Amino acid sequence: MSRTEAPPLPEPLRVPVADSHTHLDMQDATVEEALARAAAVNVTTVVQVGCDVAGSRWAAETAAAHPAVHASVALHPNEAPRIVHGDPDSTARQGAREPGGKAALEEALAEIDALAALDHVRGVGETGLDFFRTGPEGIAAQEESFRAHIEIAKRHGKALVIHDRDAHADVLRVLLDAGAPERTVFHCYSGDAEMAEVCARAGYFMSFAGNVTFKNAQPLRDALAVAPMELVLVETDAPFLTPAPYRGRPNAPYLIPVTLRAMAEVKGVDEDTLATAIYDNTARAFDF
C-alpha cells in the first residue's frame, strides 16, 4: 500500500457530524471533491482554518462560496515570529521571509481583524503558543500575536481556536490573564486528563483529532474519557494526523468516522449518541 494513496471511504455515519478543523487548501482534492467525499459518509460541515494572511483570505472566500464550509482566520503561532524576525532558510510552504519587525505583525493582525468581521468567518484561529519549533527569541512575538487574536475574537464575538504545542501552562496562563472569549476551542487537544478537567471547569471545548487513535496516545484517551460530552469536538486537522490504521497516509474530512468510532469506544457510548452531541457542540462552538 502506497504511503501517498488516499485511504478508502469508511462506513458512513448514520448521524451527520462536523469536522471542526481542516485545511482544504493543503489537500490534493478540490474543495468540491473533498466536500462530496465527506458528505458521502455524513460529514456535512467543515471548519476551514487559515494559518497566515493568504490562507485566511482563502478560508473566508471558500466559506462564502460553500454553505458546508465555515472559516476560521488567524496567524499560526509559528507565523508570528516569521513575520517579525524573518525566516531566510525557511522550509515552510510560505517560503523564505525577510524580517518585518513589529510593524509587519501589526499589519498582518489588522488584516485578520478585518476578515474576522465577516459573517461567514466563525472563528479566530488557529492561534496560541507552540514551543516545539520556536526558540526563545520568537516566544514574545507568539504571545503578543496570541493576545491580539484573543481581543479580535472577543471584539467580533467569534470562537477562539487554539493551537497548543508543548505550551499547556502558558496557554492557560494567557487565557486566564487576557480573559478567554465566550467560546474557546482547544484544537487537536494535546493535554492530559488533569488539563482536561481544568478546561472543562473553564468551559473550553476540546477537539480530538486522529492521533487519539495512535497506540502511544493513552494520555489523550484518558483526557477524552474525563472530558464532558457537551465540550467534545472531533476534527481531522487534515492533511495531518490521519487516524490508525491509516497513519502516515493523507488525511481528509471523510475520515472523521474512523476517529469518531474510536472516540465513542473511549467514551463508552454508541456512535450515534456521540455524533449527535458533537454536531450540536460544534454548532454551538462556532455559532452556525
Protein backbone atom coordinates (compact mmCIF):
# COMPACT_ATOMS: atom_id res chain seq x y z
CA MET A 1 0.00 0.00 0.00
CA SER A 2 1.48 3.36 -1.02
CA ARG A 3 2.00 5.93 1.76
CA THR A 4 0.65 8.58 -0.63
CA GLU A 5 -2.51 6.67 -1.51
CA ALA A 6 -5.73 8.03 -0.01
CA PRO A 7 -7.39 5.64 2.46
CA PRO A 8 -10.76 4.13 1.42
CA LEU A 9 -14.09 5.70 2.38
CA PRO A 10 -15.21 4.35 5.77
CA GLU A 11 -18.71 3.10 6.51
CA PRO A 12 -20.95 6.22 6.61
CA LEU A 13 -22.17 7.55 9.93
CA ARG A 14 -25.93 7.37 10.47
CA VAL A 15 -25.97 10.82 12.07
CA PRO A 16 -24.43 13.95 10.47
CA VAL A 17 -21.26 15.30 12.05
CA ALA A 18 -18.90 18.27 11.59
CA ASP A 19 -15.12 18.35 11.10
CA SER A 20 -14.19 21.21 13.43
CA HIS A 21 -10.72 21.82 11.93
CA THR A 22 -9.38 21.11 8.47
CA HIS A 23 -7.01 22.60 5.88
CA LEU A 24 -8.66 22.02 2.48
CA ASP A 25 -6.03 24.25 0.86
CA MET A 26 -3.30 21.73 1.78
CA GLN A 27 -5.16 18.66 0.46
CA ASP A 28 -4.91 17.09 -3.01
CA ALA A 29 -8.64 17.08 -3.79
CA THR A 30 -10.55 20.14 -4.98
CA VAL A 31 -12.89 21.72 -2.41
CA GLU A 32 -15.86 20.24 -4.28
CA GLU A 33 -14.33 16.74 -4.27
CA ALA A 34 -13.40 16.97 -0.59
CA LEU A 35 -16.90 18.10 0.40
CA ALA A 36 -18.59 15.42 -1.75
CA ARG A 37 -16.48 12.63 -0.20
CA ALA A 38 -17.17 13.98 3.28
CA ALA A 39 -20.93 14.22 2.60
CA ALA A 40 -20.90 10.61 1.34
CA VAL A 41 -20.02 9.46 4.89
CA ASN A 42 -22.30 12.05 6.60
CA VAL A 43 -19.61 14.62 7.44
CA THR A 44 -21.81 17.51 6.37
CA THR A 45 -19.94 20.56 7.72
CA VAL A 46 -16.27 21.55 7.92
CA VAL A 47 -14.40 24.44 9.52
CA GLN A 48 -11.64 25.60 7.17
CA VAL A 49 -8.76 27.09 9.16
CA GLY A 50 -6.29 29.75 7.99
CA CYS A 51 -2.69 29.86 9.23
CA ASP A 52 -1.47 33.09 7.62
CA VAL A 53 -2.96 36.13 5.87
CA ALA A 54 -3.21 34.47 2.43
CA GLY A 55 -4.63 31.22 3.86
CA SER A 56 -7.13 33.15 5.97
CA ARG A 57 -8.31 35.11 2.92
CA TRP A 58 -8.72 31.81 1.07
CA ALA A 59 -10.67 30.33 4.02
CA ALA A 60 -13.06 33.29 4.05
CA GLU A 61 -13.58 33.14 0.26
CA THR A 62 -14.16 29.36 0.36
CA ALA A 63 -16.70 29.68 3.17
CA ALA A 64 -18.51 32.42 1.23
CA ALA A 65 -18.76 30.09 -1.78
CA HIS A 66 -19.77 26.85 0.01
CA PRO A 67 -22.59 26.61 2.60
CA ALA A 68 -20.97 23.47 4.11
CA VAL A 69 -17.77 25.41 4.93
CA HIS A 70 -17.24 27.82 7.83
CA ALA A 71 -13.99 29.78 8.09
CA SER A 72 -11.57 30.49 10.91
CA VAL A 73 -8.84 33.08 10.32
CA ALA A 74 -5.51 33.71 12.04
CA LEU A 75 -1.76 33.83 12.04
CA HIS A 76 -0.49 30.44 13.24
CA PRO A 77 1.74 30.73 16.35
CA ASN A 78 4.78 29.86 14.21
CA GLU A 79 3.83 32.55 11.67
CA ALA A 80 4.17 35.47 14.12
CA PRO A 81 7.95 35.01 14.76
CA ARG A 82 8.48 34.51 11.00
CA ILE A 83 6.82 37.87 10.29
CA VAL A 84 8.77 39.71 13.00
CA HIS A 85 12.21 38.08 12.79
CA GLY A 86 12.19 36.75 9.22
CA ASP A 87 12.87 33.20 8.10
CA PRO A 88 15.64 33.25 5.48
CA ASP A 89 16.17 29.46 5.38
CA SER A 90 12.50 28.53 5.51
CA THR A 91 11.25 25.10 4.54
CA ALA A 92 7.71 26.33 5.31
CA ARG A 93 5.21 26.32 2.48
CA GLN A 94 5.17 30.14 2.55
CA GLY A 95 8.86 30.28 1.57
CA ALA A 96 11.73 32.42 2.86
CA ARG A 97 10.89 35.63 4.68
CA GLU A 98 12.66 38.94 5.32
CA PRO A 99 12.35 40.33 8.87
CA GLY A 100 9.39 42.73 9.03
CA GLY A 101 9.54 43.75 12.68
CA LYS A 102 6.61 44.70 14.88
CA ALA A 103 5.03 46.89 12.20
CA ALA A 104 4.64 43.91 9.83
CA LEU A 105 2.99 41.86 12.60
CA GLU A 106 0.55 44.70 13.33
CA GLU A 107 -0.28 44.99 9.63
CA ALA A 108 -0.97 41.23 9.36
CA LEU A 109 -3.11 41.30 12.52
CA ALA A 110 -5.14 44.22 11.10
CA GLU A 111 -5.95 42.08 8.07
CA ILE A 112 -7.03 39.16 10.31
CA ASP A 113 -9.20 41.62 12.27
CA ALA A 114 -10.92 42.76 9.06
CA LEU A 115 -11.55 39.15 7.94
CA ALA A 116 -12.89 38.22 11.40
CA ALA A 117 -15.66 40.80 10.95
CA LEU A 118 -17.14 38.83 8.01
CA ASP A 119 -20.31 36.89 8.75
CA HIS A 120 -19.15 33.57 7.25
CA VAL A 121 -15.97 33.67 9.34
CA ARG A 122 -17.00 31.83 12.51
CA GLY A 123 -13.65 31.55 14.31
CA VAL A 124 -10.38 33.31 15.05
CA GLY A 125 -7.55 30.79 14.98
CA GLU A 126 -5.53 28.76 14.89
CA THR A 127 -3.64 30.93 17.34
CA GLY A 128 -1.89 30.14 20.60
CA LEU A 129 1.62 29.05 21.52
CA ASP A 130 3.97 26.48 20.00
CA PHE A 131 7.24 25.90 21.83
CA PHE A 132 8.13 22.87 19.70
CA ARG A 133 9.61 24.81 16.77
CA THR A 134 10.05 28.31 18.16
CA GLY A 135 13.15 29.30 20.11
CA PRO A 136 13.22 31.80 23.00
CA GLU A 137 13.63 34.78 20.63
CA GLY A 138 10.29 34.03 18.93
CA ILE A 139 8.19 33.42 22.04
CA ALA A 140 7.49 37.11 22.75
CA ALA A 141 6.13 37.57 19.20
CA GLN A 142 3.95 34.46 19.63
CA GLU A 143 2.47 35.68 22.89
CA GLU A 144 1.83 39.17 21.51
CA SER A 145 0.07 37.65 18.49
CA PHE A 146 -1.96 35.27 20.71
CA ARG A 147 -3.16 38.14 22.92
CA ALA A 148 -4.12 40.17 19.84
CA HIS A 149 -6.15 37.23 18.46
CA ILE A 150 -7.98 36.87 21.81
CA GLU A 151 -9.01 40.53 21.55
CA ILE A 152 -10.08 40.11 17.90
CA ALA A 153 -12.24 37.08 18.80
CA LYS A 154 -13.90 38.97 21.65
CA ARG A 155 -14.44 42.13 19.57
CA HIS A 156 -16.25 40.22 16.82
CA GLY A 157 -17.95 37.61 19.05
CA LYS A 158 -16.20 34.71 17.30
CA ALA A 159 -14.85 31.39 18.63
CA LEU A 160 -11.17 31.34 19.57
CA VAL A 161 -9.36 28.32 18.06
CA ILE A 162 -6.22 27.40 19.99
CA HIS A 163 -3.07 25.67 18.77
CA ASP A 164 -1.17 24.49 21.87
CA ARG A 165 2.04 22.56 21.37
CA ASP A 166 4.38 21.93 24.30
CA ALA A 167 2.94 25.07 25.93
CA HIS A 168 -0.02 23.97 28.07
CA ALA A 169 0.71 26.04 31.21
CA ASP A 170 1.50 29.19 29.22
CA VAL A 171 -1.61 28.91 27.03
CA LEU A 172 -3.82 28.55 30.12
CA ARG A 173 -1.97 31.45 31.81
CA VAL A 174 -2.55 33.82 28.85
CA LEU A 175 -6.23 32.82 28.58
CA LEU A 176 -6.74 33.48 32.28
CA ASP A 177 -4.83 36.75 32.19
CA ALA A 178 -6.37 38.15 28.98
CA GLY A 179 -9.84 36.74 29.63
CA ALA A 180 -10.92 33.97 27.24
CA PRO A 181 -13.72 34.64 24.74
CA GLU A 182 -17.12 33.13 25.47
CA ARG A 183 -16.35 30.22 23.10
CA THR A 184 -12.83 28.78 23.15
CA VAL A 185 -11.76 25.61 21.32
CA PHE A 186 -8.56 23.65 22.01
CA HIS A 187 -7.87 22.32 18.51
CA CYS A 188 -6.12 18.94 18.34
CA TYR A 189 -6.32 18.69 22.12
CA SER A 190 -2.91 17.54 23.36
CA GLY A 191 -3.11 17.82 27.14
CA ASP A 192 -3.62 15.09 29.73
CA ALA A 193 -6.67 14.22 31.85
CA GLU A 194 -5.73 16.75 34.54
CA MET A 195 -5.63 19.56 31.97
CA ALA A 196 -8.95 18.34 30.50
CA GLU A 197 -10.50 18.88 33.94
CA VAL A 198 -9.09 22.46 34.01
CA CYS A 199 -10.50 23.10 30.52
CA ALA A 200 -13.87 21.61 31.50
CA ARG A 201 -14.14 23.90 34.55
CA ALA A 202 -13.43 26.89 32.30
CA GLY A 203 -15.99 25.69 29.70
CA TYR A 204 -13.40 25.30 26.94
CA PHE A 205 -14.24 22.93 24.07
CA MET A 206 -11.73 20.12 23.43
CA SER A 207 -11.41 18.92 19.85
CA PHE A 208 -9.84 15.48 19.31
CA ALA A 209 -8.01 14.50 16.11
CA GLY A 210 -6.82 11.23 14.57
CA ASN A 211 -3.88 10.99 16.97
CA VAL A 212 -6.34 9.88 19.69
CA THR A 213 -6.25 6.51 17.84
CA PHE A 214 -2.45 6.14 17.96
CA LYS A 215 -1.00 3.32 20.09
CA ASN A 216 1.13 5.68 22.18
CA ALA A 217 -1.74 8.14 22.85
CA GLN A 218 -3.15 6.72 26.11
CA PRO A 219 -2.88 10.14 27.87
CA LEU A 220 -5.13 11.60 25.13
CA ARG A 221 -7.66 8.80 25.58
CA ASP A 222 -7.59 9.40 29.34
CA ALA A 223 -8.29 13.10 28.68
CA LEU A 224 -11.17 12.24 26.33
CA ALA A 225 -12.61 9.88 28.97
CA VAL A 226 -12.91 12.72 31.53
CA ALA A 227 -13.90 15.49 29.07
CA PRO A 228 -17.62 16.30 29.46
CA MET A 229 -19.63 15.12 26.46
CA GLU A 230 -21.01 18.64 25.86
CA LEU A 231 -17.47 20.04 25.37
CA VAL A 232 -16.09 17.39 22.97
CA LEU A 233 -15.49 18.05 19.25
CA VAL A 234 -13.86 15.95 16.51
CA GLU A 235 -11.53 17.10 13.74
CA THR A 236 -9.16 15.84 11.09
CA ASP A 237 -6.52 18.64 11.01
CA ALA A 238 -6.20 17.18 7.50
CA PRO A 239 -3.94 16.51 5.70
CA PHE A 240 -2.17 15.74 9.00
CA LEU A 241 -2.81 13.25 11.84
CA THR A 242 -4.54 10.53 9.83
CA PRO A 243 -6.18 8.06 12.23
CA ALA A 244 -5.00 4.48 12.64
CA PRO A 245 -4.92 2.16 10.73
CA TYR A 246 -4.09 4.73 8.02
CA ARG A 247 -1.46 6.70 9.97
CA GLY A 248 1.07 8.32 7.62
CA ARG A 249 -1.29 8.43 4.64
CA PRO A 250 -3.13 11.63 3.54
CA ASN A 251 -5.95 12.72 5.83
CA ALA A 252 -9.22 14.34 4.70
CA PRO A 253 -12.62 15.20 6.26
CA TYR A 254 -14.17 11.93 5.01
CA LEU A 255 -12.05 10.04 7.58
CA ILE A 256 -13.86 11.64 10.56
CA PRO A 257 -15.97 8.44 11.09
CA VAL A 258 -12.78 6.44 11.84
CA THR A 259 -11.78 8.84 14.63
CA LEU A 260 -15.34 9.27 15.91
CA ARG A 261 -15.85 5.50 16.28
CA ALA A 262 -12.62 5.20 18.27
CA MET A 263 -13.76 8.12 20.45
CA ALA A 264 -17.17 6.53 21.07
CA GLU A 265 -15.39 3.42 22.37
CA VAL A 266 -13.34 5.53 24.80
CA LYS A 267 -16.46 7.41 25.97
CA GLY A 268 -18.44 4.17 26.31
CA VAL A 269 -21.32 5.45 24.15
CA ASP A 270 -22.70 4.41 20.77
CA GLU A 271 -21.50 6.33 17.71
CA ASP A 272 -24.94 7.91 17.01
CA THR A 273 -25.05 9.43 20.50
CA LEU A 274 -21.54 10.83 20.17
CA ALA A 275 -22.09 12.12 16.60
CA THR A 276 -25.28 13.91 17.70
CA ALA A 277 -23.53 15.52 20.67
CA ILE A 278 -20.51 16.53 18.57
CA TYR A 279 -22.60 18.13 15.82
CA ASP A 280 -24.53 20.15 18.43
CA ASN A 281 -21.31 21.11 20.23
CA THR A 282 -19.64 22.25 17.00
CA ALA A 283 -22.67 24.33 16.02
CA ARG A 284 -22.59 25.92 19.49
CA ALA A 285 -18.83 26.48 19.45
CA PHE A 286 -18.83 28.14 16.02
CA ASP A 287 -22.34 29.64 16.24
CA PHE A 288 -23.67 28.24 12.96
